[in-house]
Amino acid sequence: MKKMVLFLFFLIFPLLTSCTTGSDEDEVWDAAKVCPETGTNSYGMPNRGTFTDERDGQVYKYTTIGKQVWMAQNLNYDVEKDACYYEEDDCRTMGRVYYPTERPCPAGWHVPTIEEWYQLFNVFGGETEATTPLKATYSWTALNPGDMPNGTDDCGFSAVFAVNGRETMGFESGFLSSTMTPEGNCDTGHLWTVSFSSYKRIACWNDLCHYSSQYVRCVKD
């Protein structure tokens, strides 16, 4: 019984912790304005498309949301300390998990700061409103009968459920930021991480660095 209580606490507590930094925008977002499928972004790239990681030849989708350009897939570049929990497809669908001290993004891209995550959420009006349009239309498990856990993926971000070593039964997928407290010190500090879940709100929380291996969505420099 005690083990079950502890399991539920560690599963649910992060999901009840909201992103508290940054302010939500009052204006109602419009996908046709903030993440149009056609047109060109400020980098001179099509708003949505693909690019090739020259290190290993893998091709990734990307999408433009507001003023940011995000990878539309989890990173799958093999480094020394990563982990792949989907070896049957070489992690090309769900990606790999990385430790916070790693910087695995290709040239021209980087692991987002927590402020860059907030900037993304605020395009939609905040973390509550951002959950559904950023989540993929598949892969998520309903918490209760009748729930609609999958997203609408309006901007092509396609946040999918993927395990990261902790079995969350389809409820949660965690992503790294590059923001540590104290900054740059993973031996004594904490790391901001971001969690998408079957709940209706994205959660951000401080976690001990050495417990924070998560997936990576790179953002354009």
N, C-alpha and C. Protein backbone atom coordinates (compact mmCIF):
# COMPACT_ATOMS: atom_id res chain seq x y z
N MET A 1 0.84 -1.21 0.00
CA MET A 1 0.00 0.00 0.00
C MET A 1 0.86 1.25 0.00
N LYS A 2 1.93 1.25 0.81
CA LYS A 2 2.82 2.41 0.88
C LYS A 2 3.48 2.66 -0.46
N LYS A 3 3.89 1.57 -1.15
CA LYS A 3 4.53 1.74 -2.46
C LYS A 3 3.56 2.35 -3.46
N MET A 4 2.30 1.93 -3.40
CA MET A 4 1.30 2.47 -4.32
C MET A 4 1.08 3.96 -4.08
N VAL A 5 1.03 4.39 -2.81
CA VAL A 5 0.85 5.80 -2.48
C VAL A 5 2.02 6.62 -3.00
N LEU A 6 3.24 6.11 -2.79
CA LEU A 6 4.42 6.83 -3.28
C LEU A 6 4.42 6.92 -4.79
N PHE A 7 4.01 5.84 -5.47
CA PHE A 7 3.96 5.86 -6.93
C PHE A 7 3.01 6.93 -7.43
N LEU A 8 1.81 6.98 -6.84
CA LEU A 8 0.82 7.97 -7.27
C LEU A 8 1.30 9.39 -6.99
N PHE A 9 2.00 9.59 -5.87
CA PHE A 9 2.50 10.92 -5.53
C PHE A 9 3.49 11.40 -6.58
N PHE A 10 4.48 10.54 -6.92
CA PHE A 10 5.50 10.96 -7.87
C PHE A 10 4.95 11.07 -9.29
N LEU A 11 3.86 10.39 -9.59
CA LEU A 11 3.24 10.52 -10.90
C LEU A 11 2.43 11.79 -11.01
N ILE A 12 1.65 12.10 -9.98
CA ILE A 12 0.69 13.19 -10.08
C ILE A 12 1.27 14.54 -9.66
N PHE A 13 2.20 14.57 -8.66
CA PHE A 13 2.68 15.85 -8.15
C PHE A 13 3.26 16.76 -9.22
N PRO A 14 4.15 16.26 -10.12
CA PRO A 14 4.68 17.17 -11.14
C PRO A 14 3.61 17.74 -12.04
N LEU A 15 2.55 16.95 -12.27
CA LEU A 15 1.51 17.39 -13.18
C LEU A 15 0.63 18.48 -12.58
N LEU A 16 0.70 18.62 -11.25
CA LEU A 16 -0.07 19.67 -10.59
C LEU A 16 0.73 20.95 -10.44
N THR A 17 2.00 20.92 -10.87
CA THR A 17 2.89 22.06 -10.74
C THR A 17 2.93 22.80 -12.06
N SER A 18 2.41 23.99 -12.12
CA SER A 18 2.32 24.69 -13.39
C SER A 18 3.55 25.55 -13.63
N CYS A 19 3.72 25.98 -14.88
CA CYS A 19 4.79 26.91 -15.22
C CYS A 19 4.40 28.27 -14.66
N THR A 20 5.19 28.82 -13.78
CA THR A 20 4.78 30.03 -13.07
C THR A 20 5.52 31.27 -13.50
N THR A 21 6.49 31.13 -14.39
CA THR A 21 7.24 32.29 -14.84
C THR A 21 6.69 32.76 -16.18
N GLY A 22 6.62 34.05 -16.38
CA GLY A 22 6.11 34.59 -17.63
C GLY A 22 4.62 34.83 -17.52
N SER A 23 4.10 35.70 -18.37
CA SER A 23 2.69 36.05 -18.33
C SER A 23 1.98 35.54 -19.56
N ASP A 24 0.73 35.13 -19.38
CA ASP A 24 -0.07 34.69 -20.49
C ASP A 24 -0.55 35.88 -21.31
N GLU A 25 -0.64 35.69 -22.62
CA GLU A 25 -1.14 36.74 -23.49
C GLU A 25 -2.66 36.73 -23.47
N ASP A 26 -3.26 37.90 -23.51
CA ASP A 26 -4.70 38.00 -23.47
C ASP A 26 -5.34 37.68 -24.82
N GLU A 27 -4.63 37.97 -25.90
CA GLU A 27 -5.20 37.79 -27.22
C GLU A 27 -5.39 36.31 -27.53
N VAL A 28 -6.55 35.94 -28.06
CA VAL A 28 -6.84 34.57 -28.43
C VAL A 28 -5.98 34.20 -29.63
N TRP A 29 -5.31 33.08 -29.57
CA TRP A 29 -4.40 32.69 -30.64
C TRP A 29 -5.16 32.16 -31.84
N ASP A 30 -4.55 32.30 -33.00
CA ASP A 30 -5.13 31.85 -34.25
C ASP A 30 -4.03 31.10 -35.00
N ALA A 31 -4.25 29.81 -35.24
CA ALA A 31 -3.22 28.98 -35.88
C ALA A 31 -2.81 29.55 -37.23
N ALA A 32 -3.75 30.12 -37.97
CA ALA A 32 -3.43 30.66 -39.29
C ALA A 32 -2.48 31.84 -39.20
N LYS A 33 -2.45 32.50 -38.02
CA LYS A 33 -1.57 33.65 -37.84
C LYS A 33 -0.25 33.27 -37.18
N VAL A 34 -0.30 32.43 -36.15
CA VAL A 34 0.91 32.17 -35.36
C VAL A 34 1.71 30.97 -35.86
N CYS A 35 1.09 30.06 -36.61
CA CYS A 35 1.85 28.91 -37.12
C CYS A 35 1.31 28.46 -38.48
N PRO A 36 1.29 29.37 -39.45
CA PRO A 36 0.76 28.99 -40.78
C PRO A 36 1.62 27.91 -41.42
N GLU A 37 0.98 27.00 -42.13
CA GLU A 37 1.70 25.91 -42.79
C GLU A 37 2.50 26.40 -43.98
N THR A 38 2.03 27.44 -44.66
CA THR A 38 2.71 27.96 -45.83
C THR A 38 3.41 29.27 -45.49
N GLY A 39 4.22 29.75 -46.41
CA GLY A 39 4.94 31.00 -46.19
C GLY A 39 6.36 30.74 -45.73
N THR A 40 7.06 31.82 -45.40
CA THR A 40 8.48 31.77 -45.05
C THR A 40 8.68 32.45 -43.71
N ASN A 41 9.54 31.87 -42.86
CA ASN A 41 9.82 32.47 -41.55
C ASN A 41 10.99 33.45 -41.62
N SER A 42 11.36 34.01 -40.49
CA SER A 42 12.40 35.04 -40.45
C SER A 42 13.79 34.51 -40.79
N TYR A 43 13.94 33.19 -40.81
CA TYR A 43 15.22 32.58 -41.18
C TYR A 43 15.32 32.35 -42.69
N GLY A 44 14.25 32.69 -43.42
CA GLY A 44 14.22 32.43 -44.86
C GLY A 44 13.87 31.00 -45.20
N MET A 45 13.38 30.24 -44.20
CA MET A 45 12.99 28.85 -44.40
C MET A 45 11.48 28.78 -44.59
N PRO A 46 10.97 27.76 -45.30
CA PRO A 46 9.53 27.53 -45.29
C PRO A 46 9.06 27.35 -43.85
N ASN A 47 7.85 27.79 -43.53
CA ASN A 47 7.37 27.72 -42.15
C ASN A 47 7.38 26.29 -41.61
N ARG A 48 7.13 25.32 -42.45
CA ARG A 48 7.22 23.93 -42.05
C ARG A 48 8.00 23.17 -43.10
N GLY A 49 8.83 22.24 -42.65
CA GLY A 49 9.63 21.48 -43.59
C GLY A 49 10.50 20.48 -42.88
N THR A 50 11.61 20.11 -43.48
CA THR A 50 12.55 19.16 -42.90
C THR A 50 13.96 19.70 -43.03
N PHE A 51 14.85 19.18 -42.18
CA PHE A 51 16.27 19.47 -42.32
C PHE A 51 17.05 18.20 -42.00
N THR A 52 18.28 18.13 -42.46
CA THR A 52 19.12 16.96 -42.26
C THR A 52 20.20 17.25 -41.23
N ASP A 53 20.31 16.39 -40.24
CA ASP A 53 21.41 16.47 -39.27
C ASP A 53 22.65 15.91 -39.95
N GLU A 54 23.61 16.78 -40.24
CA GLU A 54 24.79 16.36 -41.00
C GLU A 54 25.67 15.38 -40.25
N ARG A 55 25.46 15.24 -38.93
CA ARG A 55 26.30 14.34 -38.14
C ARG A 55 26.01 12.87 -38.44
N ASP A 56 24.73 12.55 -38.70
CA ASP A 56 24.39 11.15 -38.94
C ASP A 56 23.41 10.95 -40.08
N GLY A 57 23.02 12.05 -40.75
CA GLY A 57 22.15 11.93 -41.91
C GLY A 57 20.68 11.79 -41.61
N GLN A 58 20.28 11.85 -40.34
CA GLN A 58 18.86 11.74 -40.02
C GLN A 58 18.12 13.01 -40.44
N VAL A 59 16.90 12.82 -40.90
CA VAL A 59 16.06 13.92 -41.36
C VAL A 59 14.97 14.18 -40.32
N TYR A 60 14.82 15.45 -39.93
CA TYR A 60 13.84 15.83 -38.91
C TYR A 60 12.84 16.84 -39.48
N LYS A 61 11.62 16.74 -39.01
CA LYS A 61 10.62 17.77 -39.32
C LYS A 61 10.83 18.96 -38.40
N TYR A 62 10.45 20.14 -38.84
CA TYR A 62 10.45 21.33 -37.99
C TYR A 62 9.19 22.13 -38.27
N THR A 63 8.85 23.02 -37.35
CA THR A 63 7.67 23.88 -37.51
C THR A 63 7.95 25.26 -36.93
N THR A 64 7.38 26.27 -37.52
CA THR A 64 7.51 27.65 -37.05
C THR A 64 6.27 28.01 -36.24
N ILE A 65 6.49 28.44 -34.98
CA ILE A 65 5.38 28.84 -34.11
C ILE A 65 5.72 30.21 -33.55
N GLY A 66 4.93 31.21 -33.91
CA GLY A 66 5.28 32.58 -33.53
C GLY A 66 6.60 32.97 -34.16
N LYS A 67 7.54 33.43 -33.34
CA LYS A 67 8.86 33.83 -33.84
C LYS A 67 9.89 32.72 -33.68
N GLN A 68 9.46 31.56 -33.18
CA GLN A 68 10.39 30.46 -32.93
C GLN A 68 10.26 29.37 -34.00
N VAL A 69 11.38 28.65 -34.21
CA VAL A 69 11.37 27.47 -35.08
C VAL A 69 11.79 26.28 -34.22
N TRP A 70 10.90 25.29 -34.10
CA TRP A 70 11.11 24.12 -33.24
C TRP A 70 11.23 22.86 -34.07
N MET A 71 12.05 21.91 -33.61
CA MET A 71 11.99 20.58 -34.16
C MET A 71 10.60 20.01 -33.88
N ALA A 72 10.03 19.32 -34.85
CA ALA A 72 8.70 18.73 -34.69
C ALA A 72 8.79 17.24 -34.39
N GLN A 73 9.97 16.79 -33.99
CA GLN A 73 10.21 15.41 -33.55
C GLN A 73 11.20 15.44 -32.40
N ASN A 74 11.19 14.39 -31.57
CA ASN A 74 12.20 14.27 -30.54
C ASN A 74 13.54 13.92 -31.15
N LEU A 75 14.60 14.48 -30.59
CA LEU A 75 15.95 14.25 -31.11
C LEU A 75 16.35 12.78 -30.95
N ASN A 76 17.08 12.27 -31.94
CA ASN A 76 17.51 10.87 -31.93
C ASN A 76 19.00 10.74 -32.27
N TYR A 77 19.79 11.70 -31.86
CA TYR A 77 21.23 11.63 -32.12
C TYR A 77 21.91 10.83 -31.00
N ASP A 78 22.72 9.85 -31.38
CA ASP A 78 23.33 8.93 -30.41
C ASP A 78 24.59 9.54 -29.80
N VAL A 79 24.54 9.79 -28.50
CA VAL A 79 25.73 10.25 -27.78
C VAL A 79 26.06 9.22 -26.70
N GLU A 80 27.14 9.44 -25.98
CA GLU A 80 27.67 8.43 -25.07
C GLU A 80 26.69 8.02 -23.98
N LYS A 81 25.96 8.97 -23.40
CA LYS A 81 25.14 8.66 -22.23
C LYS A 81 23.64 8.69 -22.50
N ASP A 82 23.23 8.68 -23.77
CA ASP A 82 21.80 8.70 -24.03
C ASP A 82 21.20 7.32 -23.77
N ALA A 83 19.88 7.24 -23.87
CA ALA A 83 19.18 5.97 -23.73
C ALA A 83 18.08 5.89 -24.77
N CYS A 84 17.89 4.71 -25.33
CA CYS A 84 16.84 4.47 -26.32
C CYS A 84 15.91 3.40 -25.77
N TYR A 85 14.64 3.74 -25.56
CA TYR A 85 13.67 2.79 -25.02
C TYR A 85 12.78 2.20 -26.10
N TYR A 86 13.10 2.50 -27.37
CA TYR A 86 12.30 2.00 -28.50
C TYR A 86 13.23 1.42 -29.55
N GLU A 87 14.02 0.44 -29.15
CA GLU A 87 15.03 -0.11 -30.04
C GLU A 87 14.45 -0.79 -31.27
N GLU A 88 13.18 -1.19 -31.18
CA GLU A 88 12.57 -1.86 -32.33
C GLU A 88 12.52 -0.98 -33.57
N ASP A 89 12.47 0.35 -33.38
CA ASP A 89 12.52 1.24 -34.55
C ASP A 89 13.70 2.19 -34.46
N ASP A 90 14.73 1.80 -33.69
CA ASP A 90 15.95 2.59 -33.55
C ASP A 90 15.67 3.98 -32.99
N CYS A 91 14.58 4.11 -32.24
CA CYS A 91 14.18 5.38 -31.61
C CYS A 91 13.89 6.49 -32.61
N ARG A 92 13.70 6.18 -33.86
CA ARG A 92 13.43 7.22 -34.85
C ARG A 92 12.05 7.82 -34.68
N THR A 93 11.12 7.07 -34.09
CA THR A 93 9.77 7.60 -33.89
C THR A 93 9.67 8.41 -32.61
N MET A 94 10.20 7.89 -31.50
CA MET A 94 10.03 8.52 -30.20
C MET A 94 11.26 9.28 -29.72
N GLY A 95 12.43 9.03 -30.29
CA GLY A 95 13.63 9.74 -29.87
C GLY A 95 14.34 9.09 -28.70
N ARG A 96 15.42 9.74 -28.23
CA ARG A 96 16.24 9.26 -27.13
C ARG A 96 16.14 10.23 -25.96
N VAL A 97 16.51 9.75 -24.77
CA VAL A 97 16.57 10.63 -23.60
C VAL A 97 18.03 10.99 -23.33
N TYR A 98 18.24 12.21 -22.80
CA TYR A 98 19.57 12.75 -22.59
C TYR A 98 19.71 13.31 -21.18
N TYR A 99 20.95 13.30 -20.69
CA TYR A 99 21.24 13.93 -19.42
C TYR A 99 21.35 15.45 -19.60
N PRO A 100 21.08 16.22 -18.57
CA PRO A 100 21.04 17.68 -18.70
C PRO A 100 22.37 18.33 -19.04
N THR A 101 23.47 17.67 -18.74
CA THR A 101 24.78 18.27 -19.06
C THR A 101 25.16 18.08 -20.51
N GLU A 102 24.39 17.27 -21.24
CA GLU A 102 24.68 17.06 -22.66
C GLU A 102 24.06 18.16 -23.50
N ARG A 103 24.71 18.47 -24.61
CA ARG A 103 24.20 19.45 -25.56
C ARG A 103 24.13 18.78 -26.93
N PRO A 104 23.11 17.93 -27.14
CA PRO A 104 23.11 17.05 -28.30
C PRO A 104 22.54 17.63 -29.59
N CYS A 105 22.09 18.88 -29.58
CA CYS A 105 21.44 19.44 -30.76
C CYS A 105 22.43 19.67 -31.90
N PRO A 106 21.98 19.59 -33.15
CA PRO A 106 22.86 19.84 -34.28
C PRO A 106 23.24 21.32 -34.39
N ALA A 107 24.25 21.62 -35.20
CA ALA A 107 24.69 22.99 -35.41
C ALA A 107 23.53 23.86 -35.88
N GLY A 108 23.40 25.05 -35.29
CA GLY A 108 22.31 25.96 -35.64
C GLY A 108 21.07 25.78 -34.79
N TRP A 109 21.10 24.80 -33.88
CA TRP A 109 19.98 24.52 -33.00
C TRP A 109 20.50 24.37 -31.58
N HIS A 110 19.63 24.48 -30.57
CA HIS A 110 20.08 24.34 -29.20
C HIS A 110 18.96 23.81 -28.31
N VAL A 111 19.35 23.27 -27.13
CA VAL A 111 18.37 22.87 -26.12
C VAL A 111 17.72 24.13 -25.58
N PRO A 112 16.40 24.24 -25.61
CA PRO A 112 15.74 25.49 -25.21
C PRO A 112 15.91 25.80 -23.73
N THR A 113 15.96 27.07 -23.42
CA THR A 113 15.90 27.50 -22.03
C THR A 113 14.45 27.41 -21.55
N ILE A 114 14.25 27.50 -20.24
CA ILE A 114 12.87 27.48 -19.75
C ILE A 114 12.12 28.71 -20.24
N GLU A 115 12.82 29.82 -20.42
CA GLU A 115 12.16 31.03 -20.94
C GLU A 115 11.67 30.81 -22.36
N GLU A 116 12.41 30.04 -23.16
CA GLU A 116 11.97 29.75 -24.52
C GLU A 116 10.76 28.82 -24.53
N TRP A 117 10.69 27.91 -23.57
CA TRP A 117 9.48 27.11 -23.43
C TRP A 117 8.29 28.00 -23.09
N TYR A 118 8.47 28.93 -22.13
CA TYR A 118 7.38 29.85 -21.76
C TYR A 118 6.93 30.66 -22.98
N GLN A 119 7.90 31.11 -23.78
CA GLN A 119 7.56 31.88 -24.98
C GLN A 119 6.66 31.06 -25.90
N LEU A 120 6.96 29.78 -26.03
CA LEU A 120 6.11 28.90 -26.84
C LEU A 120 4.71 28.81 -26.26
N PHE A 121 4.60 28.54 -24.95
CA PHE A 121 3.29 28.38 -24.34
C PHE A 121 2.46 29.66 -24.42
N ASN A 122 3.11 30.80 -24.26
CA ASN A 122 2.39 32.07 -24.24
C ASN A 122 1.78 32.44 -25.59
N VAL A 123 2.31 31.85 -26.67
CA VAL A 123 1.70 32.05 -27.98
C VAL A 123 0.25 31.56 -27.98
N PHE A 124 -0.01 30.54 -27.16
CA PHE A 124 -1.35 29.95 -27.09
C PHE A 124 -2.18 30.53 -25.95
N GLY A 125 -1.58 31.40 -25.15
CA GLY A 125 -2.30 31.98 -24.02
C GLY A 125 -1.91 31.37 -22.69
N GLY A 126 -0.85 30.56 -22.65
CA GLY A 126 -0.40 29.97 -21.39
C GLY A 126 -0.35 28.46 -21.47
N GLU A 127 0.17 27.83 -20.39
CA GLU A 127 0.41 26.39 -20.43
C GLU A 127 -0.86 25.56 -20.48
N THR A 128 -1.97 26.05 -19.92
CA THR A 128 -3.21 25.29 -19.98
C THR A 128 -3.74 25.22 -21.41
N GLU A 129 -3.78 26.37 -22.06
CA GLU A 129 -4.30 26.45 -23.42
C GLU A 129 -3.37 25.80 -24.43
N ALA A 130 -2.05 25.72 -24.11
CA ALA A 130 -1.08 25.18 -25.06
C ALA A 130 -1.10 23.66 -25.12
N THR A 131 -1.63 23.00 -24.10
CA THR A 131 -1.52 21.55 -24.02
C THR A 131 -2.12 20.86 -25.23
N THR A 132 -3.38 21.13 -25.53
CA THR A 132 -4.07 20.42 -26.61
C THR A 132 -3.49 20.72 -27.99
N PRO A 133 -3.27 21.98 -28.37
CA PRO A 133 -2.74 22.23 -29.71
C PRO A 133 -1.31 21.77 -29.94
N LEU A 134 -0.53 21.55 -28.88
CA LEU A 134 0.85 21.10 -29.06
C LEU A 134 0.99 19.58 -29.05
N LYS A 135 0.04 18.87 -28.47
CA LYS A 135 0.14 17.41 -28.38
C LYS A 135 -0.26 16.74 -29.69
N ALA A 136 0.37 15.59 -29.95
CA ALA A 136 0.06 14.81 -31.14
C ALA A 136 -1.36 14.26 -31.08
N THR A 137 -1.86 13.86 -32.22
CA THR A 137 -3.23 13.33 -32.30
C THR A 137 -3.28 11.83 -32.01
N TYR A 138 -2.18 11.28 -31.53
CA TYR A 138 -2.11 9.85 -31.24
C TYR A 138 -1.16 9.61 -30.06
N SER A 139 -1.11 8.41 -29.55
CA SER A 139 -0.14 7.87 -28.59
C SER A 139 -0.48 8.09 -27.11
N TRP A 140 -1.39 9.01 -26.78
CA TRP A 140 -1.66 9.31 -25.38
C TRP A 140 -2.74 8.40 -24.81
N THR A 141 -2.60 8.01 -23.54
CA THR A 141 -3.54 7.12 -22.86
C THR A 141 -4.51 7.93 -22.00
N ALA A 142 -5.78 7.62 -22.09
CA ALA A 142 -6.78 8.32 -21.29
C ALA A 142 -6.67 7.93 -19.83
N LEU A 143 -6.80 8.91 -18.93
CA LEU A 143 -6.77 8.63 -17.50
C LEU A 143 -8.09 8.04 -17.02
N ASN A 144 -9.19 8.46 -17.64
CA ASN A 144 -10.53 8.01 -17.24
C ASN A 144 -11.35 7.72 -18.49
N PRO A 145 -12.34 6.84 -18.39
CA PRO A 145 -13.21 6.57 -19.54
C PRO A 145 -13.86 7.86 -20.04
N GLY A 146 -13.82 8.05 -21.34
CA GLY A 146 -14.41 9.23 -21.92
C GLY A 146 -13.46 10.40 -22.07
N ASP A 147 -12.26 10.31 -21.47
CA ASP A 147 -11.27 11.38 -21.61
C ASP A 147 -10.78 11.46 -23.05
N MET A 148 -10.35 12.66 -23.44
CA MET A 148 -9.77 12.87 -24.77
C MET A 148 -8.33 13.32 -24.58
N PRO A 149 -7.40 12.39 -24.33
CA PRO A 149 -6.04 12.78 -23.98
C PRO A 149 -5.19 13.24 -25.15
N ASN A 150 -5.52 12.79 -26.36
CA ASN A 150 -4.73 13.20 -27.51
C ASN A 150 -4.96 14.67 -27.84
N GLY A 151 -4.01 15.27 -28.51
CA GLY A 151 -4.12 16.67 -28.85
C GLY A 151 -4.68 16.90 -30.24
N THR A 152 -4.69 18.16 -30.66
CA THR A 152 -5.15 18.54 -31.99
C THR A 152 -3.98 18.88 -32.92
N ASP A 153 -2.79 19.07 -32.35
CA ASP A 153 -1.56 19.28 -33.13
C ASP A 153 -1.73 20.36 -34.19
N ASP A 154 -2.31 21.48 -33.80
CA ASP A 154 -2.63 22.54 -34.76
C ASP A 154 -1.40 23.14 -35.44
N CYS A 155 -0.26 23.12 -34.76
CA CYS A 155 0.94 23.76 -35.30
C CYS A 155 2.00 22.77 -35.75
N GLY A 156 1.68 21.47 -35.74
CA GLY A 156 2.64 20.49 -36.20
C GLY A 156 3.77 20.20 -35.24
N PHE A 157 3.62 20.59 -33.95
CA PHE A 157 4.65 20.34 -32.95
C PHE A 157 4.72 18.85 -32.58
N SER A 158 3.56 18.21 -32.52
CA SER A 158 3.45 16.75 -32.36
C SER A 158 4.16 16.20 -31.13
N ALA A 159 3.83 16.71 -29.94
CA ALA A 159 4.38 16.17 -28.70
C ALA A 159 3.75 14.80 -28.44
N VAL A 160 4.56 13.74 -28.49
CA VAL A 160 4.06 12.39 -28.32
C VAL A 160 4.38 11.87 -26.93
N PHE A 161 3.61 10.86 -26.50
CA PHE A 161 3.98 10.17 -25.27
C PHE A 161 5.18 9.29 -25.56
N ALA A 162 6.15 9.28 -24.65
CA ALA A 162 7.30 8.39 -24.77
C ALA A 162 7.87 8.16 -23.37
N VAL A 163 8.17 6.90 -23.03
CA VAL A 163 8.72 6.61 -21.71
C VAL A 163 10.14 7.16 -21.61
N ASN A 164 10.56 7.50 -20.41
CA ASN A 164 11.92 7.99 -20.20
C ASN A 164 12.62 7.22 -19.07
N GLY A 165 12.28 5.96 -18.95
CA GLY A 165 12.87 5.14 -17.90
C GLY A 165 11.95 4.96 -16.71
N ARG A 166 10.97 5.86 -16.57
CA ARG A 166 9.93 5.73 -15.54
C ARG A 166 8.65 5.34 -16.24
N GLU A 167 8.08 4.21 -15.91
CA GLU A 167 6.88 3.76 -16.59
C GLU A 167 5.68 4.61 -16.16
N THR A 168 5.19 5.45 -17.08
CA THR A 168 4.08 6.34 -16.76
C THR A 168 2.80 5.93 -17.49
N MET A 169 2.79 4.74 -18.09
CA MET A 169 1.58 4.13 -18.63
C MET A 169 0.88 5.01 -19.66
N GLY A 170 1.63 5.81 -20.40
CA GLY A 170 1.04 6.62 -21.45
C GLY A 170 0.53 7.96 -21.00
N PHE A 171 0.82 8.36 -19.74
CA PHE A 171 0.27 9.59 -19.20
C PHE A 171 1.18 10.81 -19.38
N GLU A 172 2.49 10.61 -19.57
CA GLU A 172 3.41 11.74 -19.42
C GLU A 172 4.62 11.60 -20.32
N SER A 173 5.13 12.72 -20.83
CA SER A 173 6.37 12.75 -21.59
C SER A 173 7.14 14.00 -21.18
N GLY A 174 8.40 13.84 -20.77
CA GLY A 174 9.17 14.96 -20.24
C GLY A 174 10.22 15.46 -21.21
N PHE A 175 10.49 16.77 -21.15
CA PHE A 175 11.47 17.41 -22.03
C PHE A 175 12.44 18.25 -21.22
N LEU A 176 13.68 18.31 -21.70
CA LEU A 176 14.71 19.10 -21.04
C LEU A 176 14.61 20.57 -21.40
N SER A 177 15.05 21.41 -20.47
CA SER A 177 15.45 22.78 -20.79
C SER A 177 16.94 22.85 -20.48
N SER A 178 17.55 23.97 -20.79
CA SER A 178 18.97 24.13 -20.49
C SER A 178 19.18 25.05 -19.29
N THR A 179 18.11 25.33 -18.54
CA THR A 179 18.17 26.26 -17.42
C THR A 179 18.40 25.51 -16.11
N MET A 180 19.57 25.75 -15.47
CA MET A 180 19.90 25.12 -14.20
C MET A 180 19.99 26.17 -13.11
N THR A 181 19.74 25.75 -11.86
CA THR A 181 19.91 26.64 -10.71
C THR A 181 20.72 25.93 -9.63
N PRO A 182 21.86 26.42 -9.16
CA PRO A 182 22.54 27.57 -9.73
C PRO A 182 23.01 27.28 -11.15
N GLU A 183 23.08 28.30 -11.96
CA GLU A 183 23.32 28.15 -13.38
C GLU A 183 24.60 27.36 -13.65
N GLY A 184 24.45 26.33 -14.48
CA GLY A 184 25.59 25.57 -14.94
C GLY A 184 26.16 24.57 -13.96
N ASN A 185 25.56 24.44 -12.77
CA ASN A 185 26.13 23.55 -11.77
C ASN A 185 25.17 22.39 -11.53
N CYS A 186 25.42 21.27 -12.19
CA CYS A 186 24.52 20.13 -12.07
C CYS A 186 24.86 19.25 -10.88
N ASP A 187 26.00 19.51 -10.23
CA ASP A 187 26.37 18.71 -9.06
C ASP A 187 25.53 19.08 -7.85
N THR A 188 25.23 20.37 -7.71
CA THR A 188 24.48 20.83 -6.54
C THR A 188 23.15 21.48 -6.92
N GLY A 189 22.94 21.77 -8.18
CA GLY A 189 21.78 22.55 -8.58
C GLY A 189 20.60 21.71 -9.04
N HIS A 190 19.59 22.41 -9.51
CA HIS A 190 18.38 21.81 -10.03
C HIS A 190 18.20 22.25 -11.48
N LEU A 191 17.34 21.54 -12.16
CA LEU A 191 17.10 21.79 -13.57
C LEU A 191 15.62 21.98 -13.83
N TRP A 192 15.27 22.97 -14.64
CA TRP A 192 13.88 23.12 -15.05
C TRP A 192 13.58 22.10 -16.14
N THR A 193 12.53 21.31 -15.96
CA THR A 193 12.07 20.38 -16.99
C THR A 193 10.60 20.65 -17.29
N VAL A 194 10.14 20.16 -18.42
CA VAL A 194 8.78 20.42 -18.91
C VAL A 194 8.08 19.10 -19.14
N SER A 195 6.85 18.98 -18.70
CA SER A 195 6.11 17.73 -18.85
C SER A 195 4.78 17.96 -19.57
N PHE A 196 4.59 17.23 -20.66
CA PHE A 196 3.29 17.12 -21.30
C PHE A 196 2.63 15.87 -20.73
N SER A 197 1.31 15.89 -20.59
CA SER A 197 0.66 14.75 -19.96
C SER A 197 -0.76 14.57 -20.47
N SER A 198 -1.41 13.53 -19.96
CA SER A 198 -2.82 13.30 -20.28
C SER A 198 -3.73 14.27 -19.57
N TYR A 199 -3.19 15.04 -18.63
CA TYR A 199 -3.97 16.10 -17.99
C TYR A 199 -4.11 17.28 -18.95
N LYS A 200 -4.81 18.31 -18.51
CA LYS A 200 -5.09 19.44 -19.38
C LYS A 200 -4.14 20.60 -19.16
N ARG A 201 -2.98 20.33 -18.54
CA ARG A 201 -2.05 21.40 -18.29
C ARG A 201 -0.62 20.90 -18.41
N ILE A 202 0.24 21.70 -19.01
CA ILE A 202 1.66 21.40 -19.07
C ILE A 202 2.27 21.79 -17.73
N ALA A 203 3.19 20.98 -17.23
CA ALA A 203 3.82 21.26 -15.94
C ALA A 203 5.31 21.55 -16.14
N CYS A 204 5.81 22.50 -15.35
CA CYS A 204 7.24 22.79 -15.32
C CYS A 204 7.69 22.70 -13.87
N TRP A 205 8.82 22.06 -13.62
CA TRP A 205 9.26 21.97 -12.24
C TRP A 205 10.77 21.85 -12.16
N ASN A 206 11.30 22.19 -10.99
CA ASN A 206 12.71 22.02 -10.68
C ASN A 206 12.95 20.59 -10.24
N ASP A 207 13.89 19.92 -10.87
CA ASP A 207 14.20 18.55 -10.52
C ASP A 207 15.70 18.44 -10.31
N LEU A 208 16.13 17.51 -9.46
CA LEU A 208 17.56 17.27 -9.30
C LEU A 208 18.15 16.85 -10.63
N CYS A 209 19.28 17.45 -10.99
CA CYS A 209 19.84 17.23 -12.32
C CYS A 209 20.04 15.75 -12.64
N HIS A 210 20.58 14.98 -11.69
CA HIS A 210 20.94 13.61 -12.04
C HIS A 210 19.72 12.69 -12.13
N TYR A 211 18.52 13.21 -11.84
CA TYR A 211 17.31 12.44 -12.05
C TYR A 211 16.54 12.90 -13.29
N SER A 212 17.13 13.78 -14.08
CA SER A 212 16.35 14.51 -15.08
C SER A 212 16.67 14.14 -16.52
N SER A 213 17.04 12.89 -16.79
CA SER A 213 17.22 12.51 -18.19
C SER A 213 15.85 12.55 -18.87
N GLN A 214 15.76 13.32 -19.95
CA GLN A 214 14.49 13.56 -20.62
C GLN A 214 14.72 13.64 -22.12
N TYR A 215 13.62 13.77 -22.85
CA TYR A 215 13.70 13.94 -24.30
C TYR A 215 14.09 15.38 -24.63
N VAL A 216 14.51 15.60 -25.86
CA VAL A 216 14.98 16.93 -26.28
C VAL A 216 14.23 17.35 -27.55
N ARG A 217 13.71 18.57 -27.52
CA ARG A 217 13.21 19.26 -28.70
C ARG A 217 14.11 20.47 -28.92
N CYS A 218 14.90 20.45 -29.95
CA CYS A 218 15.81 21.56 -30.21
C CYS A 218 15.03 22.74 -30.81
N VAL A 219 15.51 23.94 -30.55
CA VAL A 219 14.92 25.15 -31.10
C VAL A 219 16.01 25.87 -31.90
N LYS A 220 15.63 26.59 -32.94
CA LYS A 220 16.59 27.23 -33.82
C LYS A 220 17.30 28.37 -33.10
N ASP A 221 18.63 28.48 -33.34
CA ASP A 221 19.43 29.56 -32.75
C ASP A 221 18.91 30.92 -33.16
